[in-house]
Amino acid sequence: MSENQQNEGLNIELNELVAQGVYATGAIINHSASEFVVDFVQFMPGARPSVKSRIILSPLQAKQLASSLAENVATFENNFGEIKQPQQNGTANYEA
């Protein structure tokens, strides 16, 4: 869901615990014919990586999320400059 859709009158409950958020340094994405599973993982030096949150999406929701993320990243880069990716990522493992 894009930020614009949120501002167009959706009344969504956000409890205090969820509002605090969970910090993740990576994501592992798997899928089957019926769903996408996104595990948000925290990779910290000296500690075993751990899944901090798992989100399960329908294929349609996954496609809409990908589109919304791309739109929001483009808007961010237009406002603040290009997000540069490091040559080698030593702490996070992203799988598609």
PDB file of N, CA and C in Angstrom:
ATOM      1  N   MET A   1       0.857  -1.168   0.000  1.00  0.00           N
ATOM      2  CA  MET A   1       0.000   0.000   0.000  1.00  0.00           C
ATOM      3  C   MET A   1       0.898   1.223   0.000  1.00  0.00           C
ATOM      4  N   SER A   2       0.612   2.154  -0.869  1.00  0.00           N
ATOM      5  CA  SER A   2       1.433   3.354  -0.944  1.00  0.00           C
ATOM      6  C   SER A   2       1.042   4.332   0.149  1.00  0.00           C
ATOM      7  N   GLU A   3       1.931   5.281   0.400  1.00  0.00           N
ATOM      8  CA  GLU A   3       1.659   6.305   1.403  1.00  0.00           C
ATOM      9  C   GLU A   3       0.431   7.105   1.010  1.00  0.00           C
ATOM     10  N   ASN A   4       0.242   7.329  -0.295  1.00  0.00           N
ATOM     11  CA  ASN A   4      -0.934   8.073  -0.761  1.00  0.00           C
ATOM     12  C   ASN A   4      -2.221   7.348  -0.388  1.00  0.00           C
ATOM     13  N   GLN A   5      -2.248   6.031  -0.542  1.00  0.00           N
ATOM     14  CA  GLN A   5      -3.443   5.273  -0.186  1.00  0.00           C
ATOM     15  C   GLN A   5      -3.726   5.387   1.306  1.00  0.00           C
ATOM     16  N   GLN A   6      -2.673   5.401   2.133  1.00  0.00           N
ATOM     17  CA  GLN A   6      -2.868   5.539   3.566  1.00  0.00           C
ATOM     18  C   GLN A   6      -3.506   6.879   3.894  1.00  0.00           C
ATOM     19  N   ASN A   7      -3.156   7.907   3.143  1.00  0.00           N
ATOM     20  CA  ASN A   7      -3.657   9.247   3.426  1.00  0.00           C
ATOM     21  C   ASN A   7      -5.038   9.510   2.843  1.00  0.00           C
ATOM     22  N   GLU A   8      -5.583   8.563   2.091  1.00  0.00           N
ATOM     23  CA  GLU A   8      -6.877   8.763   1.450  1.00  0.00           C
ATOM     24  C   GLU A   8      -8.025   8.203   2.269  1.00  0.00           C
ATOM     25  N   GLY A   9      -7.873   8.071   3.566  1.00  0.00           N
ATOM     26  CA  GLY A   9      -9.007   7.730   4.398  1.00  0.00           C
ATOM     27  C   GLY A   9      -9.039   6.330   4.964  1.00  0.00           C
ATOM     28  N   LEU A  10      -7.984   5.535   4.811  1.00  0.00           N
ATOM     29  CA  LEU A  10      -7.981   4.231   5.454  1.00  0.00           C
ATOM     30  C   LEU A  10      -7.782   4.433   6.948  1.00  0.00           C
ATOM     31  N   ASN A  11      -8.624   3.804   7.732  1.00  0.00           N
ATOM     32  CA  ASN A  11      -8.542   3.918   9.177  1.00  0.00           C
ATOM     33  C   ASN A  11      -7.988   2.599   9.708  1.00  0.00           C
ATOM     34  N   ILE A  12      -6.675   2.549   9.920  1.00  0.00           N
ATOM     35  CA  ILE A  12      -6.004   1.314  10.308  1.00  0.00           C
ATOM     36  C   ILE A  12      -5.535   1.416  11.745  1.00  0.00           C
ATOM     37  N   GLU A  13      -5.835   0.406  12.534  1.00  0.00           N
ATOM     38  CA  GLU A  13      -5.397   0.372  13.929  1.00  0.00           C
ATOM     39  C   GLU A  13      -3.917   0.003  13.989  1.00  0.00           C
ATOM     40  N   LEU A  14      -3.164   0.698  14.817  1.00  0.00           N
ATOM     41  CA  LEU A  14      -1.752   0.423  15.022  1.00  0.00           C
ATOM     42  C   LEU A  14      -1.489   0.455  16.522  1.00  0.00           C
ATOM     43  N   ASN A  15      -1.353  -0.746  17.111  1.00  0.00           N
ATOM     44  CA  ASN A  15      -1.149  -0.767  18.566  1.00  0.00           C
ATOM     45  C   ASN A  15       0.279  -0.345  18.911  1.00  0.00           C
ATOM     46  N   GLU A  16       0.483  -0.010  20.174  1.00  0.00           N
ATOM     47  CA  GLU A  16       1.745   0.565  20.632  1.00  0.00           C
ATOM     48  C   GLU A  16       2.935  -0.361  20.399  1.00  0.00           C
ATOM     49  N   LEU A  17       2.781  -1.643  20.645  1.00  0.00           N
ATOM     50  CA  LEU A  17       3.878  -2.591  20.473  1.00  0.00           C
ATOM     51  C   LEU A  17       4.297  -2.684  19.006  1.00  0.00           C
ATOM     52  N   VAL A  18       3.342  -2.804  18.111  1.00  0.00           N
ATOM     53  CA  VAL A  18       3.646  -2.891  16.683  1.00  0.00           C
ATOM     54  C   VAL A  18       4.231  -1.575  16.182  1.00  0.00           C
ATOM     55  N   ALA A  19       3.743  -0.457  16.712  1.00  0.00           N
ATOM     56  CA  ALA A  19       4.217   0.861  16.285  1.00  0.00           C
ATOM     57  C   ALA A  19       5.697   1.064  16.573  1.00  0.00           C
ATOM     58  N   GLN A  20       6.238   0.365  17.569  1.00  0.00           N
ATOM     59  CA  GLN A  20       7.656   0.484  17.888  1.00  0.00           C
ATOM     60  C   GLN A  20       8.532  -0.071  16.766  1.00  0.00           C
ATOM     61  N   GLY A  21       7.997  -1.015  16.010  1.00  0.00           N
ATOM     62  CA  GLY A  21       8.746  -1.595  14.903  1.00  0.00           C
ATOM     63  C   GLY A  21       9.785  -2.599  15.366  1.00  0.00           C
ATOM     64  N   VAL A  22      10.366  -3.281  14.401  1.00  0.00           N
ATOM     65  CA  VAL A  22      11.412  -4.261  14.638  1.00  0.00           C
ATOM     66  C   VAL A  22      12.534  -3.960  13.654  1.00  0.00           C
ATOM     67  N   TYR A  23      13.755  -3.866  14.138  1.00  0.00           N
ATOM     68  CA  TYR A  23      14.897  -3.564  13.285  1.00  0.00           C
ATOM     69  C   TYR A  23      15.384  -4.834  12.607  1.00  0.00           C
ATOM     70  N   ALA A  24      15.524  -4.779  11.289  1.00  0.00           N
ATOM     71  CA  ALA A  24      16.045  -5.909  10.523  1.00  0.00           C
ATOM     72  C   ALA A  24      17.121  -5.400   9.578  1.00  0.00           C
ATOM     73  N   THR A  25      18.156  -6.202   9.403  1.00  0.00           N
ATOM     74  CA  THR A  25      19.233  -5.831   8.493  1.00  0.00           C
ATOM     75  C   THR A  25      19.199  -6.626   7.199  1.00  0.00           C
ATOM     76  N   GLY A  26      18.232  -7.502   7.058  1.00  0.00           N
ATOM     77  CA  GLY A  26      18.114  -8.294   5.845  1.00  0.00           C
ATOM     78  C   GLY A  26      16.751  -8.941   5.742  1.00  0.00           C
ATOM     79  N   ALA A  27      16.505  -9.494   4.581  1.00  0.00           N
ATOM     80  CA  ALA A  27      15.251 -10.196   4.345  1.00  0.00           C
ATOM     81  C   ALA A  27      15.531 -11.438   3.513  1.00  0.00           C
ATOM     82  N   ILE A  28      14.842 -12.500   3.844  1.00  0.00           N
ATOM     83  CA  ILE A  28      14.905 -13.741   3.067  1.00  0.00           C
ATOM     84  C   ILE A  28      13.504 -13.983   2.540  1.00  0.00           C
ATOM     85  N   ILE A  29      13.388 -14.131   1.232  1.00  0.00           N
ATOM     86  CA  ILE A  29      12.075 -14.267   0.591  1.00  0.00           C
ATOM     87  C   ILE A  29      11.981 -15.622  -0.082  1.00  0.00           C
ATOM     88  N   ASN A  30      10.931 -16.345   0.235  1.00  0.00           N
ATOM     89  CA  ASN A  30      10.626 -17.633  -0.402  1.00  0.00           C
ATOM     90  C   ASN A  30       9.191 -17.589  -0.892  1.00  0.00           C
ATOM     91  N   HIS A  31       8.877 -18.475  -1.831  1.00  0.00           N
ATOM     92  CA  HIS A  31       7.501 -18.504  -2.326  1.00  0.00           C
ATOM     93  C   HIS A  31       7.103 -19.903  -2.761  1.00  0.00           C
ATOM     94  N   SER A  32       5.794 -20.105  -2.756  1.00  0.00           N
ATOM     95  CA  SER A  32       5.181 -21.305  -3.313  1.00  0.00           C
ATOM     96  C   SER A  32       4.201 -20.833  -4.375  1.00  0.00           C
ATOM     97  N   ALA A  33       3.402 -21.709  -4.886  1.00  0.00           N
ATOM     98  CA  ALA A  33       2.411 -21.318  -5.894  1.00  0.00           C
ATOM     99  C   ALA A  33       1.329 -20.422  -5.305  1.00  0.00           C
ATOM    100  N   SER A  34       1.143 -20.467  -3.985  1.00  0.00           N
ATOM    101  CA  SER A  34       0.030 -19.738  -3.383  1.00  0.00           C
ATOM    102  C   SER A  34       0.412 -18.598  -2.446  1.00  0.00           C
ATOM    103  N   GLU A  35       1.709 -18.487  -2.071  1.00  0.00           N
ATOM    104  CA  GLU A  35       2.069 -17.435  -1.124  1.00  0.00           C
ATOM    105  C   GLU A  35       3.545 -17.079  -1.200  1.00  0.00           C
ATOM    106  N   PHE A  36       3.849 -15.874  -0.730  1.00  0.00           N
ATOM    107  CA  PHE A  36       5.221 -15.406  -0.551  1.00  0.00           C
ATOM    108  C   PHE A  36       5.453 -15.287   0.951  1.00  0.00           C
ATOM    109  N   VAL A  37       6.619 -15.742   1.394  1.00  0.00           N
ATOM    110  CA  VAL A  37       6.987 -15.642   2.799  1.00  0.00           C
ATOM    111  C   VAL A  37       8.225 -14.758   2.883  1.00  0.00           C
ATOM    112  N   VAL A  38       8.097 -13.663   3.640  1.00  0.00           N
ATOM    113  CA  VAL A  38       9.211 -12.726   3.817  1.00  0.00           C
ATOM    114  C   VAL A  38       9.639 -12.792   5.274  1.00  0.00           C
ATOM    115  N   ASP A  39      10.857 -13.271   5.503  1.00  0.00           N
ATOM    116  CA  ASP A  39      11.441 -13.298   6.842  1.00  0.00           C
ATOM    117  C   ASP A  39      12.389 -12.114   6.961  1.00  0.00           C
ATOM    118  N   PHE A  40      12.117 -11.228   7.922  1.00  0.00           N
ATOM    119  CA  PHE A  40      12.990 -10.099   8.195  1.00  0.00           C
ATOM    120  C   PHE A  40      13.978 -10.550   9.270  1.00  0.00           C
ATOM    121  N   VAL A  41      15.265 -10.460   8.938  1.00  0.00           N
ATOM    122  CA  VAL A  41      16.322 -11.053   9.752  1.00  0.00           C
ATOM    123  C   VAL A  41      17.244  -9.959  10.287  1.00  0.00           C
ATOM    124  N   GLN A  42      17.732 -10.167  11.496  1.00  0.00           N
ATOM    125  CA  GLN A  42      18.714  -9.266  12.085  1.00  0.00           C
ATOM    126  C   GLN A  42      20.062  -9.985  12.102  1.00  0.00           C
ATOM    127  N   PHE A  43      21.016  -9.448  11.337  1.00  0.00           N
ATOM    128  CA  PHE A  43      22.380  -9.951  11.301  1.00  0.00           C
ATOM    129  C   PHE A  43      23.227  -8.990  12.133  1.00  0.00           C
ATOM    130  N   MET A  44      23.796  -9.459  13.238  1.00  0.00           N
ATOM    131  CA  MET A  44      24.621  -8.616  14.097  1.00  0.00           C
ATOM    132  C   MET A  44      25.969  -9.304  14.306  1.00  0.00           C
ATOM    133  N   PRO A  45      27.050  -8.536  14.272  1.00  0.00           N
ATOM    134  CA  PRO A  45      28.371  -9.135  14.485  1.00  0.00           C
ATOM    135  C   PRO A  45      28.436  -9.890  15.818  1.00  0.00           C
ATOM    136  N   GLY A  46      28.977 -11.083  15.770  1.00  0.00           N
ATOM    137  CA  GLY A  46      29.155 -11.874  16.985  1.00  0.00           C
ATOM    138  C   GLY A  46      27.919 -12.589  17.476  1.00  0.00           C
ATOM    139  N   ALA A  47      26.810 -12.456  16.759  1.00  0.00           N
ATOM    140  CA  ALA A  47      25.570 -13.114  17.186  1.00  0.00           C
ATOM    141  C   ALA A  47      25.012 -13.946  16.041  1.00  0.00           C
ATOM    142  N   ARG A  48      24.286 -14.975  16.401  1.00  0.00           N
ATOM    143  CA  ARG A  48      23.635 -15.806  15.390  1.00  0.00           C
ATOM    144  C   ARG A  48      22.478 -15.018  14.774  1.00  0.00           C
ATOM    145  N   PRO A  49      22.375 -14.955  13.438  1.00  0.00           N
ATOM    146  CA  PRO A  49      21.249 -14.243  12.812  1.00  0.00           C
ATOM    147  C   PRO A  49      19.923 -14.829  13.280  1.00  0.00           C
ATOM    148  N   SER A  50      18.926 -13.959  13.433  1.00  0.00           N
ATOM    149  CA  SER A  50      17.620 -14.441  13.875  1.00  0.00           C
ATOM    150  C   SER A  50      16.503 -13.734  13.120  1.00  0.00           C
ATOM    151  N   VAL A  51      15.441 -14.486  12.859  1.00  0.00           N
ATOM    152  CA  VAL A  51      14.255 -13.921  12.221  1.00  0.00           C
ATOM    153  C   VAL A  51      13.525 -13.085  13.263  1.00  0.00           C
ATOM    154  N   LYS A  52      13.269 -11.826  12.941  1.00  0.00           N
ATOM    155  CA  LYS A  52      12.585 -10.915  13.857  1.00  0.00           C
ATOM    156  C   LYS A  52      11.110 -10.782  13.530  1.00  0.00           C
ATOM    157  N   SER A  53      10.751 -11.045  12.272  1.00  0.00           N
ATOM    158  CA  SER A  53       9.352 -10.959  11.872  1.00  0.00           C
ATOM    159  C   SER A  53       9.155 -11.758  10.590  1.00  0.00           C
ATOM    160  N   ARG A  54       8.023 -12.407  10.463  1.00  0.00           N
ATOM    161  CA  ARG A  54       7.667 -13.150   9.247  1.00  0.00           C
ATOM    162  C   ARG A  54       6.332 -12.611   8.747  1.00  0.00           C
ATOM    163  N   ILE A  55       6.312 -12.269   7.468  1.00  0.00           N
ATOM    164  CA  ILE A  55       5.098 -11.782   6.831  1.00  0.00           C
ATOM    165  C   ILE A  55       4.761 -12.735   5.687  1.00  0.00           C
ATOM    166  N   ILE A  56       3.511 -13.159   5.621  1.00  0.00           N
ATOM    167  CA  ILE A  56       3.049 -14.059   4.561  1.00  0.00           C
ATOM    168  C   ILE A  56       2.068 -13.287   3.694  1.00  0.00           C
ATOM    169  N   LEU A  57       2.333 -13.284   2.381  1.00  0.00           N
ATOM    170  CA  LEU A  57       1.539 -12.506   1.429  1.00  0.00           C
ATOM    171  C   LEU A  57       1.007 -13.391   0.313  1.00  0.00           C
ATOM    172  N   SER A  58      -0.146 -13.021  -0.217  1.00  0.00           N
ATOM    173  CA  SER A  58      -0.632 -13.664  -1.444  1.00  0.00           C
ATOM    174  C   SER A  58       0.240 -13.161  -2.597  1.00  0.00           C
ATOM    175  N   PRO A  59       0.264 -13.854  -3.732  1.00  0.00           N
ATOM    176  CA  PRO A  59       1.032 -13.358  -4.882  1.00  0.00           C
ATOM    177  C   PRO A  59       0.628 -11.935  -5.288  1.00  0.00           C
ATOM    178  N   LEU A  60      -0.662 -11.626  -5.252  1.00  0.00           N
ATOM    179  CA  LEU A  60      -1.111 -10.279  -5.606  1.00  0.00           C
ATOM    180  C   LEU A  60      -0.577  -9.256  -4.612  1.00  0.00           C
ATOM    181  N   GLN A  61      -0.652  -9.551  -3.320  1.00  0.00           N
ATOM    182  CA  GLN A  61      -0.128  -8.625  -2.309  1.00  0.00           C
ATOM    183  C   GLN A  61       1.379  -8.429  -2.470  1.00  0.00           C
ATOM    184  N   ALA A  62       2.100  -9.514  -2.795  1.00  0.00           N
ATOM    185  CA  ALA A  62       3.548  -9.419  -2.994  1.00  0.00           C
ATOM    186  C   ALA A  62       3.871  -8.508  -4.174  1.00  0.00           C
ATOM    187  N   LYS A  63       3.118  -8.647  -5.257  1.00  0.00           N
ATOM    188  CA  LYS A  63       3.353  -7.794  -6.434  1.00  0.00           C
ATOM    189  C   LYS A  63       3.036  -6.335  -6.114  1.00  0.00           C
ATOM    190  N   GLN A  64       1.950  -6.099  -5.387  1.00  0.00           N
ATOM    191  CA  GLN A  64       1.591  -4.738  -5.007  1.00  0.00           C
ATOM    192  C   GLN A  64       2.645  -4.144  -4.062  1.00  0.00           C
ATOM    193  N   LEU A  65       3.166  -4.949  -3.136  1.00  0.00           N
ATOM    194  CA  LEU A  65       4.212  -4.483  -2.233  1.00  0.00           C
ATOM    195  C   LEU A  65       5.473  -4.126  -3.022  1.00  0.00           C
ATOM    196  N   ALA A  66       5.868  -4.978  -3.956  1.00  0.00           N
ATOM    197  CA  ALA A  66       7.062  -4.702  -4.764  1.00  0.00           C
ATOM    198  C   ALA A  66       6.906  -3.397  -5.539  1.00  0.00           C
ATOM    199  N   SER A  67       5.744  -3.179  -6.103  1.00  0.00           N
ATOM    200  CA  SER A  67       5.473  -1.952  -6.846  1.00  0.00           C
ATOM    201  C   SER A  67       5.510  -0.731  -5.933  1.00  0.00           C
ATOM    202  N   SER A  68       4.895  -0.841  -4.767  1.00  0.00           N
ATOM    203  CA  SER A  68       4.863   0.261  -3.818  1.00  0.00           C
ATOM    204  C   SER A  68       6.263   0.573  -3.292  1.00  0.00           C
ATOM    205  N   LEU A  69       7.055  -0.461  -3.008  1.00  0.00           N
ATOM    206  CA  LEU A  69       8.424  -0.236  -2.558  1.00  0.00           C
ATOM    207  C   LEU A  69       9.243   0.467  -3.639  1.00  0.00           C
ATOM    208  N   ALA A  70       9.103   0.018  -4.886  1.00  0.00           N
ATOM    209  CA  ALA A  70       9.835   0.658  -5.985  1.00  0.00           C
ATOM    210  C   ALA A  70       9.445   2.125  -6.124  1.00  0.00           C
ATOM    211  N   GLU A  71       8.165   2.409  -6.019  1.00  0.00           N
ATOM    212  CA  GLU A  71       7.670   3.791  -6.098  1.00  0.00           C
ATOM    213  C   GLU A  71       8.221   4.640  -4.955  1.00  0.00           C
ATOM    214  N   ASN A  72       8.208   4.087  -3.753  1.00  0.00           N
ATOM    215  CA  ASN A  72       8.696   4.829  -2.592  1.00  0.00           C
ATOM    216  C   ASN A  72      10.206   5.028  -2.616  1.00  0.00           C
ATOM    217  N   VAL A  73      10.961   4.045  -3.093  1.00  0.00           N
ATOM    218  CA  VAL A  73      12.410   4.204  -3.224  1.00  0.00           C
ATOM    219  C   VAL A  73      12.713   5.289  -4.255  1.00  0.00           C
ATOM    220  N   ALA A  74      11.998   5.295  -5.369  1.00  0.00           N
ATOM    221  CA  ALA A  74      12.204   6.331  -6.387  1.00  0.00           C
ATOM    222  C   ALA A  74      11.907   7.715  -5.821  1.00  0.00           C
ATOM    223  N   THR A  75      10.833   7.842  -5.061  1.00  0.00           N
ATOM    224  CA  THR A  75      10.493   9.126  -4.435  1.00  0.00           C
ATOM    225  C   THR A  75      11.578   9.541  -3.439  1.00  0.00           C
ATOM    226  N   PHE A  76      12.038   8.608  -2.632  1.00  0.00           N
ATOM    227  CA  PHE A  76      13.106   8.888  -1.667  1.00  0.00           C
ATOM    228  C   PHE A  76      14.345   9.397  -2.394  1.00  0.00           C
ATOM    229  N   GLU A  77      14.752   8.683  -3.465  1.00  0.00           N
ATOM    230  CA  GLU A  77      15.953   9.074  -4.198  1.00  0.00           C
ATOM    231  C   GLU A  77      15.783  10.427  -4.886  1.00  0.00           C
ATOM    232  N   ASN A  78      14.583  10.733  -5.353  1.00  0.00           N
ATOM    233  CA  ASN A  78      14.336  12.052  -5.942  1.00  0.00           C
ATOM    234  C   ASN A  78      14.492  13.153  -4.899  1.00  0.00           C
ATOM    235  N   ASN A  79      14.092  12.859  -3.669  1.00  0.00           N
ATOM    236  CA  ASN A  79      14.165  13.857  -2.599  1.00  0.00           C
ATOM    237  C   ASN A  79      15.544  13.947  -1.940  1.00  0.00           C
ATOM    238  N   PHE A  80      16.238  12.811  -1.803  1.00  0.00           N
ATOM    239  CA  PHE A  80      17.452  12.774  -0.985  1.00  0.00           C
ATOM    240  C   PHE A  80      18.695  12.285  -1.723  1.00  0.00           C
ATOM    241  N   GLY A  81      18.575  11.887  -2.967  1.00  0.00           N
ATOM    242  CA  GLY A  81      19.713  11.375  -3.716  1.00  0.00           C
ATOM    243  C   GLY A  81      19.724   9.861  -3.774  1.00  0.00           C
ATOM    244  N   GLU A  82      20.552   9.365  -4.668  1.00  0.00           N
ATOM    245  CA  GLU A  82      20.618   7.926  -4.921  1.00  0.00           C
ATOM    246  C   GLU A  82      21.059   7.157  -3.684  1.00  0.00           C
ATOM    247  N   ILE A  83      20.412   6.032  -3.450  1.00  0.00           N
ATOM    248  CA  ILE A  83      20.819   5.109  -2.396  1.00  0.00           C
ATOM    249  C   ILE A  83      21.909   4.235  -3.000  1.00  0.00           C
ATOM    250  N   LYS A  84      23.098   4.338  -2.479  1.00  0.00           N
ATOM    251  CA  LYS A  84      24.222   3.577  -3.029  1.00  0.00           C
ATOM    252  C   LYS A  84      24.362   2.252  -2.302  1.00  0.00           C
ATOM    253  N   GLN A  85      24.485   1.187  -3.080  1.00  0.00           N
ATOM    254  CA  GLN A  85      24.677  -0.135  -2.502  1.00  0.00           C
ATOM    255  C   GLN A  85      26.163  -0.402  -2.365  1.00  0.00           C
ATOM    256  N   PRO A  86      26.595  -0.972  -1.239  1.00  0.00           N
ATOM    257  CA  PRO A  86      28.023  -1.283  -1.072  1.00  0.00           C
ATOM    258  C   PRO A  86      28.458  -2.340  -2.079  1.00  0.00           C
ATOM    259  N   GLN A  87      29.750  -2.314  -2.416  1.00  0.00           N
ATOM    260  CA  GLN A  87      30.298  -3.298  -3.358  1.00  0.00           C
ATOM    261  C   GLN A  87      30.111  -4.717  -2.845  1.00  0.00           C
ATOM    262  N   GLN A  88      30.346  -4.911  -1.551  1.00  0.00           N
ATOM    263  CA  GLN A  88      30.200  -6.229  -0.944  1.00  0.00           C
ATOM    264  C   GLN A  88      29.454  -6.068   0.361  1.00  0.00           C
ATOM    265  N   ASN A  89      28.382  -6.818   0.516  1.00  0.00           N
ATOM    266  CA  ASN A  89      27.558  -6.712   1.711  1.00  0.00           C
ATOM    267  C   ASN A  89      27.965  -7.830   2.662  1.00  0.00           C
ATOM    268  N   GLY A  90      28.687  -7.473   3.734  1.00  0.00           N
ATOM    269  CA  GLY A  90      29.204  -8.491   4.635  1.00  0.00           C
ATOM    270  C   GLY A  90      28.277  -8.874   5.777  1.00  0.00           C
ATOM    271  N   THR A  91      27.157  -8.150   5.972  1.00  0.00           N
ATOM    272  CA  THR A  91      26.333  -8.469   7.130  1.00  0.00           C
ATOM    273  C   THR A  91      24.956  -8.993   6.776  1.00  0.00           C
ATOM    274  N   ALA A  92      24.476  -8.720   5.576  1.00  0.00           N
ATOM    275  CA  ALA A  92      23.105  -9.136   5.255  1.00  0.00           C
ATOM    276  C   ALA A  92      23.111 -10.053   4.054  1.00  0.00           C
ATOM    277  N   ASN A  93      22.156 -10.938   4.027  1.00  0.00           N
ATOM    278  CA  ASN A  93      22.013 -11.899   2.940  1.00  0.00           C
ATOM    279  C   ASN A  93      20.612 -11.764   2.389  1.00  0.00           C
ATOM    280  N   TYR A  94      20.492 -11.298   1.152  1.00  0.00           N
ATOM    281  CA  TYR A  94      19.190 -11.134   0.547  1.00  0.00           C
ATOM    282  C   TYR A  94      18.989 -12.232  -0.478  1.00  0.00           C
ATOM    283  N   GLU A  95      17.899 -12.937  -0.374  1.00  0.00           N
ATOM    284  CA  GLU A  95      17.573 -13.985  -1.328  1.00  0.00           C
ATOM    285  C   GLU A  95      16.255 -13.667  -1.980  1.00  0.00           C
ATOM    286  N   ALA A  96      16.132 -14.024  -3.248  1.00  0.00           N
ATOM    287  CA  ALA A  96      14.858 -13.814  -3.937  1.00  0.00           C
ATOM    288  C   ALA A  96      14.283 -15.139  -4.366  1.00  0.00           C
TER     289      ALA A  96
END
